[in-house]
Amino acid sequence: MLEVLVAFALLGLTLGVILQVFSGGLRNAAEAGNYIQAAIIADSKLALLGNKFPITAGERNGEEGIYSWRMRIEPNRDTDELSNPTTGRYQLYAITLSVQWHYGKQRPELQFMTYRLEAVDGS
């Protein structure tokens, strides 16, 4: 009888540990899915830059479901770029795109930075 009780206690402890491992794995998979979705949203917003969104200095933002995004576009102020003779025809812009979402009480954020070259009007 004592052996059966010990066996049930060990079984209970083992099942508890196994359930914790699986639930942690499911949480990690859900969190990875959120990061992937945020990257997809960022990629789509950057793809629209120059088509739907003009490349001009300023800030844009929006929401898609649980995700919110903010895009900041500013002229690049690199000194090497300013000394280039083609500077009068083209402007280099620094673009920062942040995507945030709710994950429980947390608010994770992915940030993407890139540069885009845009022709200046009149060229």
PDB file of N, CA and C in Angstrom:
ATOM      1  N   MET A   1       0.825  -1.184   0.000  1.00  0.00           N
ATOM      2  CA  MET A   1       0.000   0.000   0.000  1.00  0.00           C
ATOM      3  C   MET A   1       0.881   1.264   0.000  1.00  0.00           C
ATOM      4  N   LEU A   2       1.924   1.242   0.801  1.00  0.00           N
ATOM      5  CA  LEU A   2       2.835   2.382   0.878  1.00  0.00           C
ATOM      6  C   LEU A   2       3.535   2.591  -0.461  1.00  0.00           C
ATOM      7  N   GLU A   3       3.853   1.507  -1.123  1.00  0.00           N
ATOM      8  CA  GLU A   3       4.527   1.605  -2.421  1.00  0.00           C
ATOM      9  C   GLU A   3       3.619   2.249  -3.464  1.00  0.00           C
ATOM     10  N   VAL A   4       2.338   1.965  -3.408  1.00  0.00           N
ATOM     11  CA  VAL A   4       1.369   2.553  -4.346  1.00  0.00           C
ATOM     12  C   VAL A   4       1.264   4.054  -4.093  1.00  0.00           C
ATOM     13  N   LEU A   5       1.242   4.474  -2.847  1.00  0.00           N
ATOM     14  CA  LEU A   5       1.174   5.896  -2.503  1.00  0.00           C
ATOM     15  C   LEU A   5       2.425   6.636  -2.986  1.00  0.00           C
ATOM     16  N   VAL A   6       3.584   6.038  -2.810  1.00  0.00           N
ATOM     17  CA  VAL A   6       4.833   6.644  -3.270  1.00  0.00           C
ATOM     18  C   VAL A   6       4.830   6.738  -4.798  1.00  0.00           C
ATOM     19  N   ALA A   7       4.336   5.709  -5.465  1.00  0.00           N
ATOM     20  CA  ALA A   7       4.273   5.712  -6.930  1.00  0.00           C
ATOM     21  C   ALA A   7       3.352   6.831  -7.425  1.00  0.00           C
ATOM     22  N   PHE A   8       2.186   7.006  -6.775  1.00  0.00           N
ATOM     23  CA  PHE A   8       1.270   8.085  -7.160  1.00  0.00           C
ATOM     24  C   PHE A   8       1.879   9.463  -6.904  1.00  0.00           C
ATOM     25  N   ALA A   9       2.608   9.617  -5.820  1.00  0.00           N
ATOM     26  CA  ALA A   9       3.268  10.896  -5.523  1.00  0.00           C
ATOM     27  C   ALA A   9       4.320  11.220  -6.583  1.00  0.00           C
ATOM     28  N   LEU A  10       5.120  10.221  -6.955  1.00  0.00           N
ATOM     29  CA  LEU A  10       6.122  10.433  -7.999  1.00  0.00           C
ATOM     30  C   LEU A  10       5.464  10.737  -9.352  1.00  0.00           C
ATOM     31  N   LEU A  11       4.382  10.058  -9.657  1.00  0.00           N
ATOM     32  CA  LEU A  11       3.655  10.301 -10.890  1.00  0.00           C
ATOM     33  C   LEU A  11       3.102  11.723 -10.927  1.00  0.00           C
ATOM     34  N   GLY A  12       2.554  12.165  -9.795  1.00  0.00           N
ATOM     35  CA  GLY A  12       2.019  13.529  -9.709  1.00  0.00           C
ATOM     36  C   GLY A  12       3.102  14.576  -9.911  1.00  0.00           C
ATOM     37  N   LEU A  13       4.266  14.383  -9.289  1.00  0.00           N
ATOM     38  CA  LEU A  13       5.371  15.329  -9.451  1.00  0.00           C
ATOM     39  C   LEU A  13       5.876  15.339 -10.889  1.00  0.00           C
ATOM     40  N   THR A  14       5.994  14.155 -11.479  1.00  0.00           N
ATOM     41  CA  THR A  14       6.478  14.061 -12.853  1.00  0.00           C
ATOM     42  C   THR A  14       5.508  14.731 -13.826  1.00  0.00           C
ATOM     43  N   LEU A  15       4.221  14.490 -13.665  1.00  0.00           N
ATOM     44  CA  LEU A  15       3.229  15.114 -14.539  1.00  0.00           C
ATOM     45  C   LEU A  15       3.222  16.639 -14.377  1.00  0.00           C
ATOM     46  N   GLY A  16       3.402  17.109 -13.151  1.00  0.00           N
ATOM     47  CA  GLY A  16       3.462  18.556 -12.913  1.00  0.00           C
ATOM     48  C   GLY A  16       4.620  19.206 -13.650  1.00  0.00           C
ATOM     49  N   VAL A  17       5.777  18.575 -13.598  1.00  0.00           N
ATOM     50  CA  VAL A  17       6.955  19.108 -14.296  1.00  0.00           C
ATOM     51  C   VAL A  17       6.745  19.067 -15.807  1.00  0.00           C
ATOM     52  N   ILE A  18       6.201  17.979 -16.310  1.00  0.00           N
ATOM     53  CA  ILE A  18       5.965  17.850 -17.754  1.00  0.00           C
ATOM     54  C   ILE A  18       4.971  18.907 -18.228  1.00  0.00           C
ATOM     55  N   LEU A  19       3.905  19.156 -17.487  1.00  0.00           N
ATOM     56  CA  LEU A  19       2.923  20.170 -17.871  1.00  0.00           C
ATOM     57  C   LEU A  19       3.536  21.569 -17.862  1.00  0.00           C
ATOM     58  N   GLN A  20       4.405  21.856 -16.921  1.00  0.00           N
ATOM     59  CA  GLN A  20       5.072  23.162 -16.886  1.00  0.00           C
ATOM     60  C   GLN A  20       5.971  23.343 -18.103  1.00  0.00           C
ATOM     61  N   VAL A  21       6.682  22.302 -18.476  1.00  0.00           N
ATOM     62  CA  VAL A  21       7.562  22.381 -19.648  1.00  0.00           C
ATOM     63  C   VAL A  21       6.734  22.645 -20.906  1.00  0.00           C
ATOM     64  N   PHE A  22       5.636  21.898 -21.082  1.00  0.00           N
ATOM     65  CA  PHE A  22       4.806  22.088 -22.272  1.00  0.00           C
ATOM     66  C   PHE A  22       4.133  23.457 -22.277  1.00  0.00           C
ATOM     67  N   SER A  23       3.649  23.936 -21.153  1.00  0.00           N
ATOM     68  CA  SER A  23       2.995  25.243 -21.128  1.00  0.00           C
ATOM     69  C   SER A  23       4.010  26.356 -21.401  1.00  0.00           C
ATOM     70  N   GLY A  24       5.245  26.209 -20.915  1.00  0.00           N
ATOM     71  CA  GLY A  24       6.291  27.186 -21.227  1.00  0.00           C
ATOM     72  C   GLY A  24       6.607  27.201 -22.709  1.00  0.00           C
ATOM     73  N   GLY A  25       6.638  26.028 -23.314  1.00  0.00           N
ATOM     74  CA  GLY A  25       6.880  25.938 -24.755  1.00  0.00           C
ATOM     75  C   GLY A  25       5.766  26.581 -25.558  1.00  0.00           C
ATOM     76  N   LEU A  26       4.524  26.396 -25.128  1.00  0.00           N
ATOM     77  CA  LEU A  26       3.402  27.027 -25.821  1.00  0.00           C
ATOM     78  C   LEU A  26       3.448  28.545 -25.688  1.00  0.00           C
ATOM     79  N   ARG A  27       3.813  29.039 -24.507  1.00  0.00           N
ATOM     80  CA  ARG A  27       3.950  30.494 -24.315  1.00  0.00           C
ATOM     81  C   ARG A  27       5.039  31.057 -25.224  1.00  0.00           C
ATOM     82  N   ASN A  28       6.158  30.357 -25.293  1.00  0.00           N
ATOM     83  CA  ASN A  28       7.259  30.809 -26.158  1.00  0.00           C
ATOM     84  C   ASN A  28       6.857  30.800 -27.629  1.00  0.00           C
ATOM     85  N   ALA A  29       6.098  29.802 -28.036  1.00  0.00           N
ATOM     86  CA  ALA A  29       5.637  29.734 -29.430  1.00  0.00           C
ATOM     87  C   ALA A  29       4.684  30.884 -29.733  1.00  0.00           C
ATOM     88  N   ALA A  30       3.793  31.206 -28.796  1.00  0.00           N
ATOM     89  CA  ALA A  30       2.876  32.329 -28.996  1.00  0.00           C
ATOM     90  C   ALA A  30       3.636  33.648 -29.066  1.00  0.00           C
ATOM     91  N   GLU A  31       4.626  33.812 -28.209  1.00  0.00           N
ATOM     92  CA  GLU A  31       5.423  35.035 -28.221  1.00  0.00           C
ATOM     93  C   GLU A  31       6.225  35.155 -29.514  1.00  0.00           C
ATOM     94  N   ALA A  32       6.778  34.057 -29.991  1.00  0.00           N
ATOM     95  CA  ALA A  32       7.513  34.073 -31.261  1.00  0.00           C
ATOM     96  C   ALA A  32       6.574  34.446 -32.412  1.00  0.00           C
ATOM     97  N   GLY A  33       5.348  33.969 -32.358  1.00  0.00           N
ATOM     98  CA  GLY A  33       4.356  34.333 -33.371  1.00  0.00           C
ATOM     99  C   GLY A  33       4.081  35.831 -33.383  1.00  0.00           C
ATOM    100  N   ASN A  34       4.044  36.446 -32.198  1.00  0.00           N
ATOM    101  CA  ASN A  34       3.837  37.891 -32.115  1.00  0.00           C
ATOM    102  C   ASN A  34       5.009  38.652 -32.730  1.00  0.00           C
ATOM    103  N   TYR A  35       6.227  38.199 -32.482  1.00  0.00           N
ATOM    104  CA  TYR A  35       7.402  38.851 -33.067  1.00  0.00           C
ATOM    105  C   TYR A  35       7.391  38.717 -34.597  1.00  0.00           C
ATOM    106  N   ILE A  36       6.998  37.557 -35.083  1.00  0.00           N
ATOM    107  CA  ILE A  36       6.929  37.349 -36.533  1.00  0.00           C
ATOM    108  C   ILE A  36       5.883  38.266 -37.149  1.00  0.00           C
ATOM    109  N   GLN A  37       4.714  38.360 -36.513  1.00  0.00           N
ATOM    110  CA  GLN A  37       3.657  39.221 -37.032  1.00  0.00           C
ATOM    111  C   GLN A  37       4.085  40.688 -37.020  1.00  0.00           C
ATOM    112  N   ALA A  38       4.798  41.115 -35.971  1.00  0.00           N
ATOM    113  CA  ALA A  38       5.298  42.490 -35.911  1.00  0.00           C
ATOM    114  C   ALA A  38       6.296  42.750 -37.036  1.00  0.00           C
ATOM    115  N   ALA A  39       7.148  41.787 -37.324  1.00  0.00           N
ATOM    116  CA  ALA A  39       8.106  41.938 -38.424  1.00  0.00           C
ATOM    117  C   ALA A  39       7.394  42.006 -39.774  1.00  0.00           C
ATOM    118  N   ILE A  40       6.323  41.249 -39.949  1.00  0.00           N
ATOM    119  CA  ILE A  40       5.551  41.283 -41.188  1.00  0.00           C
ATOM    120  C   ILE A  40       4.888  42.646 -41.361  1.00  0.00           C
ATOM    121  N   ILE A  41       4.332  43.192 -40.285  1.00  0.00           N
ATOM    122  CA  ILE A  41       3.713  44.522 -40.341  1.00  0.00           C
ATOM    123  C   ILE A  41       4.761  45.568 -40.703  1.00  0.00           C
ATOM    124  N   ALA A  42       5.933  45.493 -40.077  1.00  0.00           N
ATOM    125  CA  ALA A  42       7.006  46.454 -40.368  1.00  0.00           C
ATOM    126  C   ALA A  42       7.432  46.352 -41.829  1.00  0.00           C
ATOM    127  N   ASP A  43       7.579  45.137 -42.328  1.00  0.00           N
ATOM    128  CA  ASP A  43       7.977  44.941 -43.718  1.00  0.00           C
ATOM    129  C   ASP A  43       6.944  45.536 -44.671  1.00  0.00           C
ATOM    130  N   SER A  44       5.661  45.352 -44.362  1.00  0.00           N
ATOM    131  CA  SER A  44       4.622  45.889 -45.251  1.00  0.00           C
ATOM    132  C   SER A  44       4.610  47.414 -45.220  1.00  0.00           C
ATOM    133  N   LYS A  45       4.832  48.016 -44.066  1.00  0.00           N
ATOM    134  CA  LYS A  45       4.860  49.483 -43.975  1.00  0.00           C
ATOM    135  C   LYS A  45       6.066  50.050 -44.725  1.00  0.00           C
ATOM    136  N   LEU A  46       7.205  49.413 -44.600  1.00  0.00           N
ATOM    137  CA  LEU A  46       8.393  49.885 -45.319  1.00  0.00           C
ATOM    138  C   LEU A  46       8.240  49.687 -46.827  1.00  0.00           C
ATOM    139  N   ALA A  47       7.520  48.645 -47.242  1.00  0.00           N
ATOM    140  CA  ALA A  47       7.286  48.418 -48.671  1.00  0.00           C
ATOM    141  C   ALA A  47       6.384  49.497 -49.256  1.00  0.00           C
ATOM    142  N   LEU A  48       5.489  50.058 -48.442  1.00  0.00           N
ATOM    143  CA  LEU A  48       4.591  51.108 -48.916  1.00  0.00           C
ATOM    144  C   LEU A  48       5.263  52.474 -48.962  1.00  0.00           C
ATOM    145  N   LEU A  49       6.430  52.576 -48.364  1.00  0.00           N
ATOM    146  CA  LEU A  49       7.142  53.851 -48.317  1.00  0.00           C
ATOM    147  C   LEU A  49       7.584  54.251 -49.720  1.00  0.00           C
ATOM    148  N   GLY A  50       7.193  55.417 -50.141  1.00  0.00           N
ATOM    149  CA  GLY A  50       7.488  55.885 -51.490  1.00  0.00           C
ATOM    150  C   GLY A  50       6.321  55.680 -52.428  1.00  0.00           C
ATOM    151  N   ASN A  51       5.395  54.777 -52.096  1.00  0.00           N
ATOM    152  CA  ASN A  51       4.190  54.562 -52.903  1.00  0.00           C
ATOM    153  C   ASN A  51       2.981  55.179 -52.205  1.00  0.00           C
ATOM    154  N   LYS A  52       2.528  54.528 -51.152  1.00  0.00           N
ATOM    155  CA  LYS A  52       1.379  55.049 -50.399  1.00  0.00           C
ATOM    156  C   LYS A  52       1.817  56.145 -49.435  1.00  0.00           C
ATOM    157  N   PHE A  53       2.951  55.954 -48.801  1.00  0.00           N
ATOM    158  CA  PHE A  53       3.496  56.951 -47.874  1.00  0.00           C
ATOM    159  C   PHE A  53       4.611  57.707 -48.593  1.00  0.00           C
ATOM    160  N   PRO A  54       4.474  59.020 -48.741  1.00  0.00           N
ATOM    161  CA  PRO A  54       5.572  59.768 -49.364  1.00  0.00           C
ATOM    162  C   PRO A  54       6.789  59.806 -48.442  1.00  0.00           C
ATOM    163  N   ILE A  55       7.961  59.868 -49.041  1.00  0.00           N
ATOM    164  CA  ILE A  55       9.192  59.945 -48.249  1.00  0.00           C
ATOM    165  C   ILE A  55       9.467  61.414 -47.975  1.00  0.00           C
ATOM    166  N   THR A  56       8.836  61.906 -46.930  1.00  0.00           N
ATOM    167  CA  THR A  56       9.035  63.279 -46.471  1.00  0.00           C
ATOM    168  C   THR A  56       9.238  63.245 -44.969  1.00  0.00           C
ATOM    169  N   ALA A  57       9.964  64.224 -44.469  1.00  0.00           N
ATOM    170  CA  ALA A  57      10.231  64.278 -43.036  1.00  0.00           C
ATOM    171  C   ALA A  57       8.918  64.372 -42.276  1.00  0.00           C
ATOM    172  N   GLY A  58       8.833  63.621 -41.196  1.00  0.00           N
ATOM    173  CA  GLY A  58       7.633  63.640 -40.373  1.00  0.00           C
ATOM    174  C   GLY A  58       7.437  62.316 -39.662  1.00  0.00           C
ATOM    175  N   GLU A  59       6.261  62.194 -39.064  1.00  0.00           N
ATOM    176  CA  GLU A  59       5.944  60.987 -38.299  1.00  0.00           C
ATOM    177  C   GLU A  59       4.561  60.491 -38.687  1.00  0.00           C
ATOM    178  N   ARG A  60       4.427  59.192 -38.818  1.00  0.00           N
ATOM    179  CA  ARG A  60       3.149  58.548 -39.114  1.00  0.00           C
ATOM    180  C   ARG A  60       2.951  57.427 -38.108  1.00  0.00           C
ATOM    181  N   ASN A  61       1.687  57.106 -37.839  1.00  0.00           N
ATOM    182  CA  ASN A  61       1.422  55.984 -36.942  1.00  0.00           C
ATOM    183  C   ASN A  61       0.074  55.371 -37.282  1.00  0.00           C
ATOM    184  N   GLY A  62      -0.144  54.186 -36.747  1.00  0.00           N
ATOM    185  CA  GLY A  62      -1.399  53.495 -36.981  1.00  0.00           C
ATOM    186  C   GLY A  62      -1.493  52.250 -36.122  1.00  0.00           C
ATOM    187  N   GLU A  63      -2.612  51.556 -36.257  1.00  0.00           N
ATOM    188  CA  GLU A  63      -2.852  50.328 -35.499  1.00  0.00           C
ATOM    189  C   GLU A  63      -3.386  49.247 -36.420  1.00  0.00           C
ATOM    190  N   GLU A  64      -3.015  48.023 -36.118  1.00  0.00           N
ATOM    191  CA  GLU A  64      -3.525  46.848 -36.811  1.00  0.00           C
ATOM    192  C   GLU A  64      -3.750  45.771 -35.764  1.00  0.00           C
ATOM    193  N   GLY A  65      -4.981  45.621 -35.335  1.00  0.00           N
ATOM    194  CA  GLY A  65      -5.302  44.649 -34.283  1.00  0.00           C
ATOM    195  C   GLY A  65      -4.629  45.034 -32.976  1.00  0.00           C
ATOM    196  N   ILE A  66      -3.863  44.099 -32.403  1.00  0.00           N
ATOM    197  CA  ILE A  66      -3.169  44.376 -31.137  1.00  0.00           C
ATOM    198  C   ILE A  66      -1.854  45.102 -31.348  1.00  0.00           C
ATOM    199  N   TYR A  67      -1.498  45.355 -32.598  1.00  0.00           N
ATOM    200  CA  TYR A  67      -0.214  45.968 -32.932  1.00  0.00           C
ATOM    201  C   TYR A  67      -0.397  47.456 -33.242  1.00  0.00           C
ATOM    202  N   SER A  68       0.504  48.266 -32.736  1.00  0.00           N
ATOM    203  CA  SER A  68       0.536  49.678 -33.110  1.00  0.00           C
ATOM    204  C   SER A  68       1.929  49.972 -33.661  1.00  0.00           C
ATOM    205  N   TRP A  69       1.986  50.847 -34.650  1.00  0.00           N
ATOM    206  CA  TRP A  69       3.258  51.149 -35.290  1.00  0.00           C
ATOM    207  C   TRP A  69       3.450  52.660 -35.376  1.00  0.00           C
ATOM    208  N   ARG A  70       4.714  53.056 -35.404  1.00  0.00           N
ATOM    209  CA  ARG A  70       5.092  54.470 -35.506  1.00  0.00           C
ATOM    210  C   ARG A  70       6.316  54.559 -36.416  1.00  0.00           C
ATOM    211  N   MET A  71       6.200  55.391 -37.460  1.00  0.00           N
ATOM    212  CA  MET A  71       7.294  55.564 -38.402  1.00  0.00           C
ATOM    213  C   MET A  71       7.774  57.016 -38.333  1.00  0.00           C
ATOM    214  N   ARG A  72       9.076  57.177 -38.123  1.00  0.00           N
ATOM    215  CA  ARG A  72       9.676  58.521 -38.096  1.00  0.00           C
ATOM    216  C   ARG A  72      10.652  58.629 -39.264  1.00  0.00           C
ATOM    217  N   ILE A  73      10.463  59.670 -40.084  1.00  0.00           N
ATOM    218  CA  ILE A  73      11.324  59.914 -41.242  1.00  0.00           C
ATOM    219  C   ILE A  73      11.996  61.260 -41.028  1.00  0.00           C
ATOM    220  N   GLU A  74      13.324  61.263 -41.112  1.00  0.00           N
ATOM    221  CA  GLU A  74      14.057  62.515 -40.962  1.00  0.00           C
ATOM    222  C   GLU A  74      15.237  62.536 -41.929  1.00  0.00           C
ATOM    223  N   PRO A  75      15.571  63.728 -42.428  1.00  0.00           N
ATOM    224  CA  PRO A  75      16.727  63.815 -43.329  1.00  0.00           C
ATOM    225  C   PRO A  75      17.992  63.361 -42.614  1.00  0.00           C
ATOM    226  N   ASN A  76      18.818  62.619 -43.319  1.00  0.00           N
ATOM    227  CA  ASN A  76      20.081  62.167 -42.749  1.00  0.00           C
ATOM    228  C   ASN A  76      21.049  63.341 -42.707  1.00  0.00           C
ATOM    229  N   ARG A  77      21.718  63.521 -41.586  1.00  0.00           N
ATOM    230  CA  ARG A  77      22.622  64.664 -41.407  1.00  0.00           C
ATOM    231  C   ARG A  77      24.078  64.236 -41.379  1.00  0.00           C
ATOM    232  N   ASP A  78      24.415  63.188 -42.111  1.00  0.00           N
ATOM    233  CA  ASP A  78      25.788  62.687 -42.177  1.00  0.00           C
ATOM    234  C   ASP A  78      26.662  63.707 -42.908  1.00  0.00           C
ATOM    235  N   THR A  79      27.813  64.064 -42.334  1.00  0.00           N
ATOM    236  CA  THR A  79      28.672  65.092 -42.933  1.00  0.00           C
ATOM    237  C   THR A  79      29.256  64.640 -44.268  1.00  0.00           C
ATOM    238  N   ASP A  80      29.551  63.354 -44.435  1.00  0.00           N
ATOM    239  CA  ASP A  80      30.072  62.865 -45.716  1.00  0.00           C
ATOM    240  C   ASP A  80      29.040  63.034 -46.824  1.00  0.00           C
ATOM    241  N   GLU A  81      27.802  62.770 -46.484  1.00  0.00           N
ATOM    242  CA  GLU A  81      26.730  62.884 -47.467  1.00  0.00           C
ATOM    243  C   GLU A  81      26.517  64.347 -47.858  1.00  0.00           C
ATOM    244  N   LEU A  82      26.675  65.272 -46.932  1.00  0.00           N
ATOM    245  CA  LEU A  82      26.461  66.685 -47.232  1.00  0.00           C
ATOM    246  C   LEU A  82      27.551  67.252 -48.136  1.00  0.00           C
ATOM    247  N   SER A  83      28.754  66.667 -48.119  1.00  0.00           N
ATOM    248  CA  SER A  83      29.841  67.168 -48.960  1.00  0.00           C
ATOM    249  C   SER A  83      29.813  66.566 -50.364  1.00  0.00           C
ATOM    250  N   ASN A  84      28.880  65.670 -50.628  1.00  0.00           N
ATOM    251  CA  ASN A  84      28.760  65.008 -51.925  1.00  0.00           C
ATOM    252  C   ASN A  84      28.129  65.973 -52.935  1.00  0.00           C
ATOM    253  N   PRO A  85      28.678  66.100 -54.160  1.00  0.00           N
ATOM    254  CA  PRO A  85      28.113  67.035 -55.136  1.00  0.00           C
ATOM    255  C   PRO A  85      26.720  66.659 -55.621  1.00  0.00           C
ATOM    256  N   THR A  86      26.299  65.406 -55.445  1.00  0.00           N
ATOM    257  CA  THR A  86      24.954  65.016 -55.887  1.00  0.00           C
ATOM    258  C   THR A  86      23.897  65.344 -54.848  1.00  0.00           C
ATOM    259  N   THR A  87      24.297  65.936 -53.721  1.00  0.00           N
ATOM    260  CA  THR A  87      23.355  66.214 -52.642  1.00  0.00           C
ATOM    261  C   THR A  87      22.210  67.100 -53.108  1.00  0.00           C
ATOM    262  N   GLY A  88      22.447  67.980 -54.078  1.00  0.00           N
ATOM    263  CA  GLY A  88      21.394  68.861 -54.552  1.00  0.00           C
ATOM    264  C   GLY A  88      20.281  68.132 -55.279  1.00  0.00           C
ATOM    265  N   ARG A  89      20.542  66.950 -55.818  1.00  0.00           N
ATOM    266  CA  ARG A  89      19.537  66.209 -56.574  1.00  0.00           C
ATOM    267  C   ARG A  89      18.813  65.151 -55.756  1.00  0.00           C
ATOM    268  N   TYR A  90      19.458  64.664 -54.716  1.00  0.00           N
ATOM    269  CA  TYR A  90      18.877  63.579 -53.922  1.00  0.00           C
ATOM    270  C   TYR A  90      18.990  63.894 -52.438  1.00  0.00           C
ATOM    271  N   GLN A  91      18.051  63.358 -51.683  1.00  0.00           N
ATOM    272  CA  GLN A  91      18.079  63.511 -50.226  1.00  0.00           C
ATOM    273  C   GLN A  91      18.041  62.119 -49.601  1.00  0.00           C
ATOM    274  N   LEU A  92      18.949  61.872 -48.674  1.00  0.00           N
ATOM    275  CA  LEU A  92      18.975  60.608 -47.946  1.00  0.00           C
ATOM    276  C   LEU A  92      18.182  60.778 -46.660  1.00  0.00           C
ATOM    277  N   TYR A  93      17.226  59.883 -46.439  1.00  0.00           N
ATOM    278  CA  TYR A  93      16.377  59.942 -45.252  1.00  0.00           C
ATOM    279  C   TYR A  93      16.662  58.757 -44.331  1.00  0.00           C
ATOM    280  N   ALA A  94      16.706  59.023 -43.046  1.00  0.00           N
ATOM    281  CA  ALA A  94      16.812  57.974 -42.020  1.00  0.00           C
ATOM    282  C   ALA A  94      15.395  57.636 -41.573  1.00  0.00           C
ATOM    283  N   ILE A  95      15.054  56.360 -41.573  1.00  0.00           N
ATOM    284  CA  ILE A  95      13.696  55.925 -41.238  1.00  0.00           C
ATOM    285  C   ILE A  95      13.767  54.975 -40.057  1.00  0.00           C
ATOM    286  N   THR A  96      12.972  55.282 -39.035  1.00  0.00           N
ATOM    287  CA  THR A  96      12.866  54.433 -37.854  1.00  0.00           C
ATOM    288  C   THR A  96      11.416  53.983 -37.734  1.00  0.00           C
ATOM    289  N   LEU A  97      11.210  52.673 -37.680  1.00  0.00           N
ATOM    290  CA  LEU A  97       9.862  52.118 -37.569  1.00  0.00           C
ATOM    291  C   LEU A  97       9.795  51.259 -36.315  1.00  0.00           C
ATOM    292  N   SER A  98       8.842  51.577 -35.436  1.00  0.00           N
ATOM    293  CA  SER A  98       8.646  50.819 -34.192  1.00  0.00           C
ATOM    294  C   SER A  98       7.287  50.137 -34.237  1.00  0.00           C
ATOM    295  N   VAL A  99       7.249  48.883 -33.845  1.00  0.00           N
ATOM    296  CA  VAL A  99       5.998  48.132 -33.766  1.00  0.00           C
ATOM    297  C   VAL A  99       5.877  47.606 -32.331  1.00  0.00           C
ATOM    298  N   GLN A 100       4.746  47.906 -31.681  1.00  0.00           N
ATOM    299  CA  GLN A 100       4.483  47.459 -30.306  1.00  0.00           C
ATOM    300  C   GLN A 100       3.200  46.639 -30.279  1.00  0.00           C
ATOM    301  N   TRP A 101       3.065  45.804 -29.256  1.00  0.00           N
ATOM    302  CA  TRP A 101       1.847  45.035 -29.056  1.00  0.00           C
ATOM    303  C   TRP A 101       1.706  44.702 -27.586  1.00  0.00           C
ATOM    304  N   HIS A 102       0.486  44.288 -27.208  1.00  0.00           N
ATOM    305  CA  HIS A 102       0.212  43.882 -25.832  1.00  0.00           C
ATOM    306  C   HIS A 102       0.442  42.386 -25.713  1.00  0.00           C
ATOM    307  N   TYR A 103       1.180  41.997 -24.698  1.00  0.00           N
ATOM    308  CA  TYR A 103       1.390  40.581 -24.408  1.00  0.00           C
ATOM    309  C   TYR A 103       1.272  40.435 -22.899  1.00  0.00           C
ATOM    310  N   GLY A 104       0.053  40.175 -22.427  1.00  0.00           N
ATOM    311  CA  GLY A 104      -0.200  40.172 -20.985  1.00  0.00           C
ATOM    312  C   GLY A 104      -0.039  41.593 -20.462  1.00  0.00           C
ATOM    313  N   LYS A 105       0.764  41.752 -19.437  1.00  0.00           N
ATOM    314  CA  LYS A 105       1.027  43.081 -18.883  1.00  0.00           C
ATOM    315  C   LYS A 105       2.204  43.764 -19.576  1.00  0.00           C
ATOM    316  N   GLN A 106       2.906  43.013 -20.416  1.00  0.00           N
ATOM    317  CA  GLN A 106       4.077  43.552 -21.098  1.00  0.00           C
ATOM    318  C   GLN A 106       3.664  44.291 -22.370  1.00  0.00           C
ATOM    319  N   ARG A 107       4.556  45.131 -22.840  1.00  0.00           N
ATOM    320  CA  ARG A 107       4.368  45.859 -24.105  1.00  0.00           C
ATOM    321  C   ARG A 107       5.653  45.735 -24.918  1.00  0.00           C
ATOM    322  N   PRO A 108       5.898  44.549 -25.523  1.00  0.00           N
ATOM    323  CA  PRO A 108       7.119  44.361 -26.313  1.00  0.00           C
ATOM    324  C   PRO A 108       7.147  45.317 -27.507  1.00  0.00           C
ATOM    325  N   GLU A 109       8.361  45.598 -27.978  1.00  0.00           N
ATOM    326  CA  GLU A 109       8.530  46.505 -29.111  1.00  0.00           C
ATOM    327  C   GLU A 109       9.678  46.023 -29.988  1.00  0.00           C
ATOM    328  N   LEU A 110       9.451  46.059 -31.286  1.00  0.00           N
ATOM    329  CA  LEU A 110      10.509  45.822 -32.259  1.00  0.00           C
ATOM    330  C   LEU A 110      10.790  47.150 -32.949  1.00  0.00           C
ATOM    331  N   GLN A 111      12.057  47.433 -33.174  1.00  0.00           N
ATOM    332  CA  GLN A 111      12.423  48.680 -33.839  1.00  0.00           C
ATOM    333  C   GLN A 111      13.301  48.360 -35.043  1.00  0.00           C
ATOM    334  N   PHE A 112      12.968  48.981 -36.171  1.00  0.00           N
ATOM    335  CA  PHE A 112      13.686  48.782 -37.417  1.00  0.00           C
ATOM    336  C   PHE A 112      14.216  50.128 -37.885  1.00  0.00           C
ATOM    337  N   MET A 113      15.459  50.159 -38.364  1.00  0.00           N
ATOM    338  CA  MET A 113      16.053  51.388 -38.876  1.00  0.00           C
ATOM    339  C   MET A 113      16.591  51.117 -40.277  1.00  0.00           C
ATOM    340  N   THR A 114      16.344  52.056 -41.186  1.00  0.00           N
ATOM    341  CA  THR A 114      16.821  51.920 -42.556  1.00  0.00           C
ATOM    342  C   THR A 114      17.027  53.308 -43.153  1.00  0.00           C
ATOM    343  N   TYR A 115      17.517  53.342 -44.363  1.00  0.00           N
ATOM    344  CA  TYR A 115      17.730  54.596 -45.092  1.00  0.00           C
ATOM    345  C   TYR A 115      17.075  54.476 -46.453  1.00  0.00           C
ATOM    346  N   ARG A 116      16.558  55.591 -46.952  1.00  0.00           N
ATOM    347  CA  ARG A 116      15.993  55.633 -48.300  1.00  0.00           C
ATOM    348  C   ARG A 116      16.478  56.900 -48.996  1.00  0.00           C
ATOM    349  N   LEU A 117      16.771  56.765 -50.277  1.00  0.00           N
ATOM    350  CA  LEU A 117      17.211  57.889 -51.099  1.00  0.00           C
ATOM    351  C   LEU A 117      16.011  58.365 -51.919  1.00  0.00           C
ATOM    352  N   GLU A 118      15.767  59.653 -51.901  1.00  0.00           N
ATOM    353  CA  GLU A 118      14.628  60.216 -52.625  1.00  0.00           C
ATOM    354  C   GLU A 118      15.112  61.380 -53.481  1.00  0.00           C
ATOM    355  N   ALA A 119      14.607  61.437 -54.713  1.00  0.00           N
ATOM    356  CA  ALA A 119      14.949  62.549 -55.598  1.00  0.00           C
ATOM    357  C   ALA A 119      14.296  63.817 -55.079  1.00  0.00           C
ATOM    358  N   VAL A 120      15.048  64.912 -55.120  1.00  0.00           N
ATOM    359  CA  VAL A 120      14.523  66.203 -54.688  1.00  0.00           C
ATOM    360  C   VAL A 120      13.684  66.781 -55.835  1.00  0.00           C
ATOM    361  N   ASP A 121      12.594  67.475 -55.511  1.00  0.00           N
ATOM    362  CA  ASP A 121      11.734  68.065 -56.547  1.00  0.00           C
ATOM    363  C   ASP A 121      12.527  68.980 -57.456  1.00  0.00           C
ATOM    364  N   GLY A 122      12.191  68.946 -58.704  1.00  0.00           N
ATOM    365  CA  GLY A 122      12.821  69.823 -59.674  1.00  0.00           C
ATOM    366  C   GLY A 122      14.024  69.210 -60.360  1.00  0.00           C
ATOM    367  N   SER A 123      14.300  67.903 -60.136  1.00  0.00           N
ATOM    368  CA  SER A 123      15.443  67.273 -60.811  1.00  0.00           C
ATOM    369  C   SER A 123      14.997  66.264 -61.835  1.00  0.00           C
TER     370      SER A 123
END
